[in-house]
PDB file of all heavy atoms in Angstrom:
ATOM      1  N   ILE A   1      14.027  62.074   6.951  1.00  0.00           N
ATOM      2  CA  ILE A   1      13.497  62.997   5.923  1.00  0.00           C
ATOM      3  C   ILE A   1      14.593  63.097   4.767  1.00  0.00           C
ATOM      4  O   ILE A   1      14.266  63.121   3.633  1.00  0.00           O
ATOM      5  CB  ILE A   1      13.304  64.383   6.573  1.00  0.00           C
ATOM      6  CG1 ILE A   1      12.123  64.348   7.533  1.00  0.00           C
ATOM      7  CG2 ILE A   1      13.080  65.423   5.500  1.00  0.00           C
ATOM      8  CD1 ILE A   1      11.896  65.660   8.301  1.00  0.00           C
ATOM      9  N   GLY A   2      15.847  63.178   5.211  1.00  0.00           N
ATOM     10  CA  GLY A   2      17.015  63.151   4.231  1.00  0.00           C
ATOM     11  C   GLY A   2      16.945  61.946   3.318  1.00  0.00           C
ATOM     12  O   GLY A   2      17.259  62.016   2.091  1.00  0.00           O
ATOM     13  N   ALA A   3      16.639  60.693   3.925  1.00  0.00           N
ATOM     14  CA  ALA A   3      16.543  59.434   3.103  1.00  0.00           C
ATOM     15  C   ALA A   3      15.462  59.513   2.096  1.00  0.00           C
ATOM     16  O   ALA A   3      15.589  58.811   1.084  1.00  0.00           O
ATOM     17  CB  ALA A   3      16.347  58.329   4.189  1.00  0.00           C
ATOM     18  N   SER A   4      14.487  60.276   2.323  1.00  0.00           N
ATOM     19  CA  SER A   4      13.357  60.403   1.328  1.00  0.00           C
ATOM     20  C   SER A   4      13.760  61.239   0.096  1.00  0.00           C
ATOM     21  O   SER A   4      13.130  61.231  -0.911  1.00  0.00           O
ATOM     22  CB  SER A   4      12.154  61.058   2.007  1.00  0.00           C
ATOM     23  OG  SER A   4      12.413  62.475   2.264  1.00  0.00           O
ATOM     24  N   GLY A   5      14.828  62.012   0.329  1.00  0.00           N
ATOM     25  CA  GLY A   5      15.269  62.870  -0.887  1.00  0.00           C
ATOM     26  C   GLY A   5      14.560  64.211  -0.972  1.00  0.00           C
ATOM     27  O   GLY A   5      14.894  64.973  -1.940  1.00  0.00           O
ATOM     28  N   ILE A   6      13.623  64.526  -0.119  1.00  0.00           N
ATOM     29  CA  ILE A   6      12.928  65.801  -0.289  1.00  0.00           C
ATOM     30  C   ILE A   6      13.614  67.016   0.375  1.00  0.00           C
ATOM     31  O   ILE A   6      13.171  68.213   0.174  1.00  0.00           O
ATOM     32  CB  ILE A   6      11.518  65.799   0.394  1.00  0.00           C
ATOM     33  CG1 ILE A   6      11.575  65.500   1.858  1.00  0.00           C
ATOM     34  CG2 ILE A   6      10.687  64.539  -0.415  1.00  0.00           C
ATOM     35  CD1 ILE A   6      10.185  65.406   2.636  1.00  0.00           C
ATOM     36  N   MET A   7      14.751  66.768   1.150  1.00  0.00           N
ATOM     37  CA  MET A   7      15.459  67.800   1.800  1.00  0.00           C
ATOM     38  C   MET A   7      16.882  67.851   1.252  1.00  0.00           C
ATOM     39  O   MET A   7      17.633  66.981   1.498  1.00  0.00           O
ATOM     40  CB  MET A   7      15.502  67.613   3.352  1.00  0.00           C
ATOM     41  CG  MET A   7      16.108  68.682   4.057  1.00  0.00           C
ATOM     42  SD  MET A   7      15.907  68.606   5.896  1.00  0.00           S
ATOM     43  CE  MET A   7      16.767  66.982   6.201  1.00  0.00           C
ATOM     44  N   PRO A   8      17.168  68.925   0.560  1.00  0.00           N
ATOM     45  CA  PRO A   8      18.534  69.120   0.016  1.00  0.00           C
ATOM     46  C   PRO A   8      19.533  69.032   1.152  1.00  0.00           C
ATOM     47  O   PRO A   8      19.261  69.417   2.308  1.00  0.00           O
ATOM     48  CB  PRO A   8      18.520  70.558  -0.594  1.00  0.00           C
ATOM     49  CG  PRO A   8      17.080  70.786  -0.907  1.00  0.00           C
ATOM     50  CD  PRO A   8      16.360  70.161   0.220  1.00  0.00           C
ATOM     51  N   ALA A   9      20.714  68.656   0.810  1.00  0.00           N
ATOM     52  CA  ALA A   9      21.838  68.447   1.742  1.00  0.00           C
ATOM     53  C   ALA A   9      22.230  69.740   2.448  1.00  0.00           C
ATOM     54  O   ALA A   9      22.514  69.810   3.667  1.00  0.00           O
ATOM     55  CB  ALA A   9      23.107  67.829   1.043  1.00  0.00           C
ATOM     56  N   PHE A  10      22.156  70.898   1.711  1.00  0.00           N
ATOM     57  CA  PHE A  10      22.531  72.194   2.259  1.00  0.00           C
ATOM     58  C   PHE A  10      21.537  72.635   3.363  1.00  0.00           C
ATOM     59  O   PHE A  10      21.966  73.093   4.350  1.00  0.00           O
ATOM     60  CB  PHE A  10      22.562  73.215   1.096  1.00  0.00           C
ATOM     61  CG  PHE A  10      22.908  74.611   1.572  1.00  0.00           C
ATOM     62  CD1 PHE A  10      24.203  74.870   1.974  1.00  0.00           C
ATOM     63  CD2 PHE A  10      21.893  75.573   1.701  1.00  0.00           C
ATOM     64  CE1 PHE A  10      24.520  76.253   2.398  1.00  0.00           C
ATOM     65  CE2 PHE A  10      22.185  76.898   2.097  1.00  0.00           C
ATOM     66  CZ  PHE A  10      23.566  77.172   2.501  1.00  0.00           C
ATOM     67  N   VAL A  11      20.221  72.376   3.094  1.00  0.00           N
ATOM     68  CA  VAL A  11      19.193  72.745   4.052  1.00  0.00           C
ATOM     69  C   VAL A  11      19.318  71.707   5.220  1.00  0.00           C
ATOM     70  O   VAL A  11      19.252  72.209   6.420  1.00  0.00           O
ATOM     71  CB  VAL A  11      17.774  72.574   3.429  1.00  0.00           C
ATOM     72  CG1 VAL A  11      16.755  72.617   4.511  1.00  0.00           C
ATOM     73  CG2 VAL A  11      17.660  73.506   2.240  1.00  0.00           C
ATOM     74  N   GLY A  12      19.601  70.476   4.982  1.00  0.00           N
ATOM     75  CA  GLY A  12      19.813  69.553   6.141  1.00  0.00           C
ATOM     76  C   GLY A  12      20.920  69.919   7.010  1.00  0.00           C
ATOM     77  O   GLY A  12      20.875  69.765   8.211  1.00  0.00           O
ATOM     78  N   ALA A  13      22.027  70.446   6.421  1.00  0.00           N
ATOM     79  CA  ALA A  13      23.106  70.889   7.332  1.00  0.00           C
ATOM     80  C   ALA A  13      22.771  71.909   8.238  1.00  0.00           C
ATOM     81  O   ALA A  13      23.228  71.944   9.465  1.00  0.00           O
ATOM     82  CB  ALA A  13      24.320  71.270   6.353  1.00  0.00           C
ATOM     83  N   TRP A  14      22.016  72.970   7.754  1.00  0.00           N
ATOM     84  CA  TRP A  14      21.557  74.010   8.583  1.00  0.00           C
ATOM     85  C   TRP A  14      20.495  73.575   9.585  1.00  0.00           C
ATOM     86  O   TRP A  14      20.418  74.099  10.792  1.00  0.00           O
ATOM     87  CB  TRP A  14      21.131  75.141   7.777  1.00  0.00           C
ATOM     88  CG  TRP A  14      22.107  76.012   7.176  1.00  0.00           C
ATOM     89  CD1 TRP A  14      22.416  76.063   5.800  1.00  0.00           C
ATOM     90  CD2 TRP A  14      23.012  76.828   7.841  1.00  0.00           C
ATOM     91  NE1 TRP A  14      23.462  76.946   5.561  1.00  0.00           N
ATOM     92  CE2 TRP A  14      23.847  77.364   6.863  1.00  0.00           C
ATOM     93  CE3 TRP A  14      23.208  77.101   9.184  1.00  0.00           C
ATOM     94  CZ2 TRP A  14      24.890  78.224   7.123  1.00  0.00           C
ATOM     95  CZ3 TRP A  14      24.242  78.092   9.467  1.00  0.00           C
ATOM     96  CH2 TRP A  14      24.972  78.718   8.517  1.00  0.00           C
ATOM     97  N   MET A  15      19.776  72.582   9.244  1.00  0.00           N
ATOM     98  CA  MET A  15      18.755  72.025  10.194  1.00  0.00           C
ATOM     99  C   MET A  15      19.483  71.379  11.343  1.00  0.00           C
ATOM    100  O   MET A  15      19.082  71.450  12.522  1.00  0.00           O
ATOM    101  CB  MET A  15      17.825  71.023   9.567  1.00  0.00           C
ATOM    102  CG  MET A  15      16.799  71.609   8.465  1.00  0.00           C
ATOM    103  SD  MET A  15      15.728  72.724   9.286  1.00  0.00           S
ATOM    104  CE  MET A  15      14.734  71.634  10.283  1.00  0.00           C
ATOM    105  N   GLN A  16      20.633  70.686  11.064  1.00  0.00           N
ATOM    106  CA  GLN A  16      21.398  70.110  12.165  1.00  0.00           C
ATOM    107  C   GLN A  16      21.925  71.217  13.121  1.00  0.00           C
ATOM    108  O   GLN A  16      22.166  70.895  14.347  1.00  0.00           O
ATOM    109  CB  GLN A  16      22.502  69.249  11.474  1.00  0.00           C
ATOM    110  CG  GLN A  16      23.352  68.515  12.585  1.00  0.00           C
ATOM    111  CD  GLN A  16      22.480  67.504  13.423  1.00  0.00           C
ATOM    112  OE1 GLN A  16      21.618  66.895  12.890  1.00  0.00           O
ATOM    113  NE2 GLN A  16      22.654  67.459  14.655  1.00  0.00           N
ATOM    114  N   GLU A  17      22.307  72.324  12.515  1.00  0.00           N
ATOM    115  CA  GLU A  17      22.768  73.449  13.450  1.00  0.00           C
ATOM    116  C   GLU A  17      21.625  73.835  14.459  1.00  0.00           C
ATOM    117  O   GLU A  17      21.914  74.115  15.598  1.00  0.00           O
ATOM    118  CB  GLU A  17      23.123  74.627  12.589  1.00  0.00           C
ATOM    119  CG  GLU A  17      24.414  74.392  11.749  1.00  0.00           C
ATOM    120  CD  GLU A  17      25.646  74.734  12.594  1.00  0.00           C
ATOM    121  OE1 GLU A  17      25.569  74.766  13.732  1.00  0.00           O
ATOM    122  OE2 GLU A  17      26.754  74.805  11.964  1.00  0.00           O
ATOM    123  N   LEU A  18      20.471  73.813  13.917  1.00  0.00           N
ATOM    124  CA  LEU A  18      19.261  74.085  14.818  1.00  0.00           C
ATOM    125  C   LEU A  18      19.118  73.156  15.886  1.00  0.00           C
ATOM    126  O   LEU A  18      18.795  73.404  16.993  1.00  0.00           O
ATOM    127  CB  LEU A  18      18.033  74.322  14.042  1.00  0.00           C
ATOM    128  CG  LEU A  18      18.004  75.579  13.035  1.00  0.00           C
ATOM    129  CD1 LEU A  18      16.656  75.523  12.208  1.00  0.00           C
ATOM    130  CD2 LEU A  18      18.118  76.794  13.735  1.00  0.00           C
ATOM    131  N   VAL A  19      19.299  71.864  15.558  1.00  0.00           N
ATOM    132  CA  VAL A  19      19.230  70.765  16.578  1.00  0.00           C
ATOM    133  C   VAL A  19      20.332  71.037  17.671  1.00  0.00           C
ATOM    134  O   VAL A  19      20.022  70.835  18.846  1.00  0.00           O
ATOM    135  CB  VAL A  19      19.501  69.389  15.861  1.00  0.00           C
ATOM    136  CG1 VAL A  19      19.558  68.278  16.937  1.00  0.00           C
ATOM    137  CG2 VAL A  19      18.273  69.149  15.010  1.00  0.00           C
ATOM    138  N   ASP A  20      21.661  71.379  17.118  1.00  0.00           N
ATOM    139  CA  ASP A  20      22.649  71.690  18.207  1.00  0.00           C
ATOM    140  C   ASP A  20      22.186  72.744  19.159  1.00  0.00           C
ATOM    141  O   ASP A  20      22.400  72.576  20.314  1.00  0.00           O
ATOM    142  CB  ASP A  20      23.901  72.094  17.450  1.00  0.00           C
ATOM    143  CG  ASP A  20      24.454  70.928  16.651  1.00  0.00           C
ATOM    144  OD1 ASP A  20      24.057  69.868  16.794  1.00  0.00           O
ATOM    145  OD2 ASP A  20      25.339  71.216  15.830  1.00  0.00           O
ATOM    146  N   LEU A  21      21.589  73.773  18.649  1.00  0.00           N
ATOM    147  CA  LEU A  21      21.181  74.980  19.366  1.00  0.00           C
ATOM    148  C   LEU A  21      20.215  74.401  20.357  1.00  0.00           C
ATOM    149  O   LEU A  21      20.210  74.934  21.545  1.00  0.00           O
ATOM    150  CB  LEU A  21      20.645  76.118  18.508  1.00  0.00           C
ATOM    151  CG  LEU A  21      20.275  77.275  19.201  1.00  0.00           C
ATOM    152  CD1 LEU A  21      21.477  77.890  20.001  1.00  0.00           C
ATOM    153  CD2 LEU A  21      19.734  78.344  18.184  1.00  0.00           C
ATOM    154  N   ALA A  22      19.189  73.643  19.964  1.00  0.00           N
ATOM    155  CA  ALA A  22      18.100  73.294  20.792  1.00  0.00           C
ATOM    156  C   ALA A  22      18.640  72.488  22.047  1.00  0.00           C
ATOM    157  O   ALA A  22      18.198  72.513  23.138  1.00  0.00           O
ATOM    158  CB  ALA A  22      17.134  72.318  20.099  1.00  0.00           C
ATOM    159  N   CYS A  23      19.673  71.567  21.770  1.00  0.00           N
ATOM    160  CA  CYS A  23      20.289  70.780  22.744  1.00  0.00           C
ATOM    161  C   CYS A  23      21.037  71.598  23.819  1.00  0.00           C
ATOM    162  O   CYS A  23      20.822  71.390  24.975  1.00  0.00           O
ATOM    163  CB  CYS A  23      21.288  69.729  22.203  1.00  0.00           C
ATOM    164  SG  CYS A  23      20.589  68.416  21.101  1.00  0.00           S
ATOM    165  N   ILE A  24      21.679  72.619  23.358  1.00  0.00           N
ATOM    166  CA  ILE A  24      22.388  73.484  24.247  1.00  0.00           C
ATOM    167  C   ILE A  24      21.462  74.226  25.125  1.00  0.00           C
ATOM    168  O   ILE A  24      21.574  74.405  26.376  1.00  0.00           O
ATOM    169  CB  ILE A  24      23.324  74.364  23.484  1.00  0.00           C
ATOM    170  CG1 ILE A  24      24.504  73.682  22.965  1.00  0.00           C
ATOM    171  CG2 ILE A  24      23.908  75.507  24.407  1.00  0.00           C
ATOM    172  CD1 ILE A  24      25.384  74.380  21.897  1.00  0.00           C
ATOM    173  N   LEU A  25      20.437  74.934  24.524  1.00  0.00           N
ATOM    174  CA  LEU A  25      19.382  75.623  25.306  1.00  0.00           C
ATOM    175  C   LEU A  25      18.700  74.722  26.323  1.00  0.00           C
ATOM    176  O   LEU A  25      18.473  75.154  27.430  1.00  0.00           O
ATOM    177  CB  LEU A  25      18.329  76.161  24.328  1.00  0.00           C
ATOM    178  CG  LEU A  25      18.936  77.352  23.378  1.00  0.00           C
ATOM    179  CD1 LEU A  25      17.845  77.772  22.470  1.00  0.00           C
ATOM    180  CD2 LEU A  25      19.513  78.547  24.247  1.00  0.00           C
ATOM    181  N   TRP A  26      18.373  73.493  26.000  1.00  0.00           N
ATOM    182  CA  TRP A  26      17.763  72.605  26.880  1.00  0.00           C
ATOM    183  C   TRP A  26      18.734  72.311  28.073  1.00  0.00           C
ATOM    184  O   TRP A  26      18.371  72.306  29.235  1.00  0.00           O
ATOM    185  CB  TRP A  26      17.332  71.340  26.303  1.00  0.00           C
ATOM    186  CG  TRP A  26      16.400  70.483  27.075  1.00  0.00           C
ATOM    187  CD1 TRP A  26      16.770  69.523  27.967  1.00  0.00           C
ATOM    188  CD2 TRP A  26      14.983  70.658  27.100  1.00  0.00           C
ATOM    189  NE1 TRP A  26      15.630  68.944  28.680  1.00  0.00           N
ATOM    190  CE2 TRP A  26      14.470  69.696  28.229  1.00  0.00           C
ATOM    191  CE3 TRP A  26      14.118  71.455  26.584  1.00  0.00           C
ATOM    192  CZ2 TRP A  26      13.269  69.554  28.505  1.00  0.00           C
ATOM    193  CZ3 TRP A  26      12.634  71.300  26.899  1.00  0.00           C
ATOM    194  CH2 TRP A  26      12.361  70.357  27.875  1.00  0.00           C
ATOM    195  N   ALA A  27      20.003  72.066  27.788  1.00  0.00           N
ATOM    196  CA  ALA A  27      21.042  71.668  28.732  1.00  0.00           C
ATOM    197  C   ALA A  27      21.146  72.874  29.757  1.00  0.00           C
ATOM    198  O   ALA A  27      21.448  72.607  30.900  1.00  0.00           O
ATOM    199  CB  ALA A  27      22.367  71.347  28.074  1.00  0.00           C
ATOM    200  N   LEU A  28      21.117  74.134  29.268  1.00  0.00           N
ATOM    201  CA  LEU A  28      21.183  75.292  30.144  1.00  0.00           C
ATOM    202  C   LEU A  28      20.237  75.330  31.154  1.00  0.00           C
ATOM    203  O   LEU A  28      20.237  76.077  32.179  1.00  0.00           O
ATOM    204  CB  LEU A  28      21.314  76.558  29.246  1.00  0.00           C
ATOM    205  CG  LEU A  28      22.592  76.760  28.477  1.00  0.00           C
ATOM    206  CD1 LEU A  28      22.423  77.986  27.554  1.00  0.00           C
ATOM    207  CD2 LEU A  28      23.693  77.077  29.460  1.00  0.00           C
ATOM    208  N   ARG A  29      19.061  74.587  31.023  1.00  0.00           N
ATOM    209  CA  ARG A  29      17.972  74.634  32.047  1.00  0.00           C
ATOM    210  C   ARG A  29      18.454  74.131  33.364  1.00  0.00           C
ATOM    211  O   ARG A  29      17.784  74.432  34.406  1.00  0.00           O
ATOM    212  CB  ARG A  29      16.778  73.830  31.486  1.00  0.00           C
ATOM    213  CG  ARG A  29      16.129  74.317  30.297  1.00  0.00           C
ATOM    214  CD  ARG A  29      15.002  73.490  29.765  1.00  0.00           C
ATOM    215  NE  ARG A  29      13.829  73.336  30.720  1.00  0.00           N
ATOM    216  CZ  ARG A  29      13.586  72.237  31.530  1.00  0.00           C
ATOM    217  NH1 ARG A  29      14.363  71.149  31.248  1.00  0.00           N
ATOM    218  NH2 ARG A  29      12.588  72.256  32.281  1.00  0.00           N
ATOM    219  N   ALA A  30      19.533  73.304  33.338  1.00  0.00           N
ATOM    220  CA  ALA A  30      20.031  72.792  34.635  1.00  0.00           C
ATOM    221  C   ALA A  30      20.564  73.972  35.549  1.00  0.00           C
ATOM    222  O   ALA A  30      20.736  73.716  36.750  1.00  0.00           O
ATOM    223  CB  ALA A  30      21.142  71.735  34.354  1.00  0.00           C
ATOM    224  N   ALA A  31      20.718  75.150  34.981  1.00  0.00           N
ATOM    225  CA  ALA A  31      21.275  76.278  35.793  1.00  0.00           C
ATOM    226  C   ALA A  31      20.127  76.839  36.623  1.00  0.00           C
ATOM    227  O   ALA A  31      20.377  77.710  37.530  1.00  0.00           O
ATOM    228  CB  ALA A  31      21.925  77.320  34.910  1.00  0.00           C
ATOM    229  N   ARG A  32      18.848  76.487  36.287  1.00  0.00           N
ATOM    230  CA  ARG A  32      17.664  76.996  37.025  1.00  0.00           C
ATOM    231  C   ARG A  32      17.170  76.163  38.026  1.00  0.00           C
ATOM    232  O   ARG A  32      17.218  74.861  37.810  1.00  0.00           O
ATOM    233  CB  ARG A  32      16.604  77.519  36.017  1.00  0.00           C
ATOM    234  CG  ARG A  32      17.001  78.403  34.887  1.00  0.00           C
ATOM    235  CD  ARG A  32      15.766  79.175  34.382  1.00  0.00           C
ATOM    236  NE  ARG A  32      14.758  78.308  33.995  1.00  0.00           N
ATOM    237  CZ  ARG A  32      14.526  77.846  32.825  1.00  0.00           C
ATOM    238  NH1 ARG A  32      15.352  78.130  31.880  1.00  0.00           N
ATOM    239  NH2 ARG A  32      13.390  77.092  32.658  1.00  0.00           N
ATOM    240  N   PRO A  33      16.579  76.580  39.143  1.00  0.00           N
ATOM    241  CA  PRO A  33      16.122  75.674  40.150  1.00  0.00           C
ATOM    242  C   PRO A  33      14.779  74.997  39.742  1.00  0.00           C
ATOM    243  O   PRO A  33      14.037  75.600  38.930  1.00  0.00           O
ATOM    244  CB  PRO A  33      15.845  76.486  41.445  1.00  0.00           C
ATOM    245  CG  PRO A  33      15.561  77.969  40.750  1.00  0.00           C
ATOM    246  CD  PRO A  33      16.576  77.917  39.540  1.00  0.00           C
ATOM    247  N   SER A  34      14.532  73.808  40.126  1.00  0.00           N
ATOM    248  CA  SER A  34      13.391  73.031  39.765  1.00  0.00           C
ATOM    249  C   SER A  34      12.276  73.604  40.638  1.00  0.00           C
ATOM    250  O   SER A  34      12.498  74.192  41.752  1.00  0.00           O
ATOM    251  CB  SER A  34      13.477  71.514  39.997  1.00  0.00           C
ATOM    252  OG  SER A  34      13.682  71.300  41.331  1.00  0.00           O
ATOM    253  N   LYS A  35      10.983  73.354  40.261  1.00  0.00           N
ATOM    254  CA  LYS A  35       9.839  73.736  41.124  1.00  0.00           C
ATOM    255  C   LYS A  35       9.840  72.996  42.435  1.00  0.00           C
ATOM    256  O   LYS A  35       9.570  73.563  43.460  1.00  0.00           O
ATOM    257  CB  LYS A  35       8.486  73.385  40.412  1.00  0.00           C
ATOM    258  CG  LYS A  35       7.299  73.690  41.120  1.00  0.00           C
ATOM    259  CD  LYS A  35       6.024  73.371  40.255  1.00  0.00           C
ATOM    260  CE  LYS A  35       4.815  73.689  41.114  1.00  0.00           C
ATOM    261  NZ  LYS A  35       3.535  73.327  40.324  1.00  0.00           N
ATOM    262  N   GLN A  36      10.339  71.731  42.423  1.00  0.00           N
ATOM    263  CA  GLN A  36      10.454  70.844  43.595  1.00  0.00           C
ATOM    264  C   GLN A  36      11.364  71.577  44.560  1.00  0.00           C
ATOM    265  O   GLN A  36      11.220  71.578  45.820  1.00  0.00           O
ATOM    266  CB  GLN A  36      10.836  69.518  43.267  1.00  0.00           C
ATOM    267  CG  GLN A  36      10.815  68.560  44.520  1.00  0.00           C
ATOM    268  CD  GLN A  36      11.106  67.153  44.072  1.00  0.00           C
ATOM    269  OE1 GLN A  36      11.627  66.891  42.980  1.00  0.00           O
ATOM    270  NE2 GLN A  36      10.949  66.107  45.042  1.00  0.00           N
ATOM    271  N   GLU A  37      12.537  72.043  44.049  1.00  0.00           N
ATOM    272  CA  GLU A  37      13.531  72.632  44.878  1.00  0.00           C
ATOM    273  C   GLU A  37      13.079  73.872  45.626  1.00  0.00           C
ATOM    274  O   GLU A  37      13.358  74.180  46.699  1.00  0.00           O
ATOM    275  CB  GLU A  37      14.868  72.967  44.150  1.00  0.00           C
ATOM    276  CG  GLU A  37      15.912  73.497  44.882  1.00  0.00           C
ATOM    277  CD  GLU A  37      17.178  73.857  44.049  1.00  0.00           C
ATOM    278  OE1 GLU A  37      17.248  73.558  42.970  1.00  0.00           O
ATOM    279  OE2 GLU A  37      18.038  74.661  44.675  1.00  0.00           O
ATOM    280  N   LEU A  38      12.317  74.718  44.719  1.00  0.00           N
ATOM    281  CA  LEU A  38      11.785  75.953  45.305  1.00  0.00           C
ATOM    282  C   LEU A  38      10.715  75.772  46.392  1.00  0.00           C
ATOM    283  O   LEU A  38      10.705  76.390  47.395  1.00  0.00           O
ATOM    284  CB  LEU A  38      11.153  76.773  44.193  1.00  0.00           C
ATOM    285  CG  LEU A  38      12.101  77.288  43.126  1.00  0.00           C
ATOM    286  CD1 LEU A  38      11.377  77.981  41.971  1.00  0.00           C
ATOM    287  CD2 LEU A  38      13.025  78.289  43.694  1.00  0.00           C
ATOM    288  N   GLU A  39       9.919  74.706  46.124  1.00  0.00           N
ATOM    289  CA  GLU A  39       8.907  74.328  47.128  1.00  0.00           C
ATOM    290  C   GLU A  39       9.565  73.832  48.452  1.00  0.00           C
ATOM    291  O   GLU A  39       9.124  74.110  49.599  1.00  0.00           O
ATOM    292  CB  GLU A  39       7.863  73.243  46.597  1.00  0.00           C
ATOM    293  CG  GLU A  39       7.021  73.927  45.453  1.00  0.00           C
ATOM    294  CD  GLU A  39       6.226  72.852  44.899  1.00  0.00           C
ATOM    295  OE1 GLU A  39       6.431  71.560  45.204  1.00  0.00           O
ATOM    296  OE2 GLU A  39       5.193  73.140  44.062  1.00  0.00           O
ATOM    297  N   LEU A  40      10.537  72.932  48.189  1.00  0.00           N
ATOM    298  CA  LEU A  40      11.326  72.393  49.360  1.00  0.00           C
ATOM    299  C   LEU A  40      12.051  73.503  50.121  1.00  0.00           C
ATOM    300  O   LEU A  40      11.896  73.510  51.392  1.00  0.00           O
ATOM    301  CB  LEU A  40      12.315  71.404  48.827  1.00  0.00           C
ATOM    302  CG  LEU A  40      13.119  70.618  49.911  1.00  0.00           C
ATOM    303  CD1 LEU A  40      12.281  69.751  50.690  1.00  0.00           C
ATOM    304  CD2 LEU A  40      14.321  69.815  49.280  1.00  0.00           C
ATOM    305  N   GLY A  41      12.571  74.424  49.435  1.00  0.00           N
ATOM    306  CA  GLY A  41      13.328  75.427  50.175  1.00  0.00           C
ATOM    307  C   GLY A  41      12.350  76.355  50.997  1.00  0.00           C
ATOM    308  O   GLY A  41      12.767  76.770  52.111  1.00  0.00           O
ATOM    309  N   ALA A  42      11.235  76.605  50.465  1.00  0.00           N
ATOM    310  CA  ALA A  42      10.222  77.346  51.173  1.00  0.00           C
ATOM    311  C   ALA A  42       9.759  76.745  52.480  1.00  0.00           C
ATOM    312  O   ALA A  42       9.550  77.300  53.499  1.00  0.00           O
ATOM    313  CB  ALA A  42       9.088  77.710  50.311  1.00  0.00           C
ATOM    314  N   ARG A  43       9.537  75.419  52.326  1.00  0.00           N
ATOM    315  CA  ARG A  43       8.898  74.628  53.448  1.00  0.00           C
ATOM    316  C   ARG A  43       9.974  74.439  54.479  1.00  0.00           C
ATOM    317  O   ARG A  43       9.578  74.608  55.723  1.00  0.00           O
ATOM    318  CB  ARG A  43       8.424  73.382  52.906  1.00  0.00           C
ATOM    319  CG  ARG A  43       7.636  72.632  53.991  1.00  0.00           C
ATOM    320  CD  ARG A  43       6.919  71.272  53.469  1.00  0.00           C
ATOM    321  NE  ARG A  43       7.921  70.291  53.273  1.00  0.00           N
ATOM    322  CZ  ARG A  43       8.351  69.843  52.137  1.00  0.00           C
ATOM    323  NH1 ARG A  43       7.938  70.371  51.040  1.00  0.00           N
ATOM    324  NH2 ARG A  43       9.173  68.840  52.189  1.00  0.00           N
TER     325      ARG A  43
END
């Protein structure tokens, strides 16, 4: 998108911050048990 010239550099920099946040939130999912683990534990 940046290569096309339609997104100003200032906006692009803030978009990258949102990407960082998305990566961290996804990584934090490892702190929660998976469905398979819960089913296994119950059985």
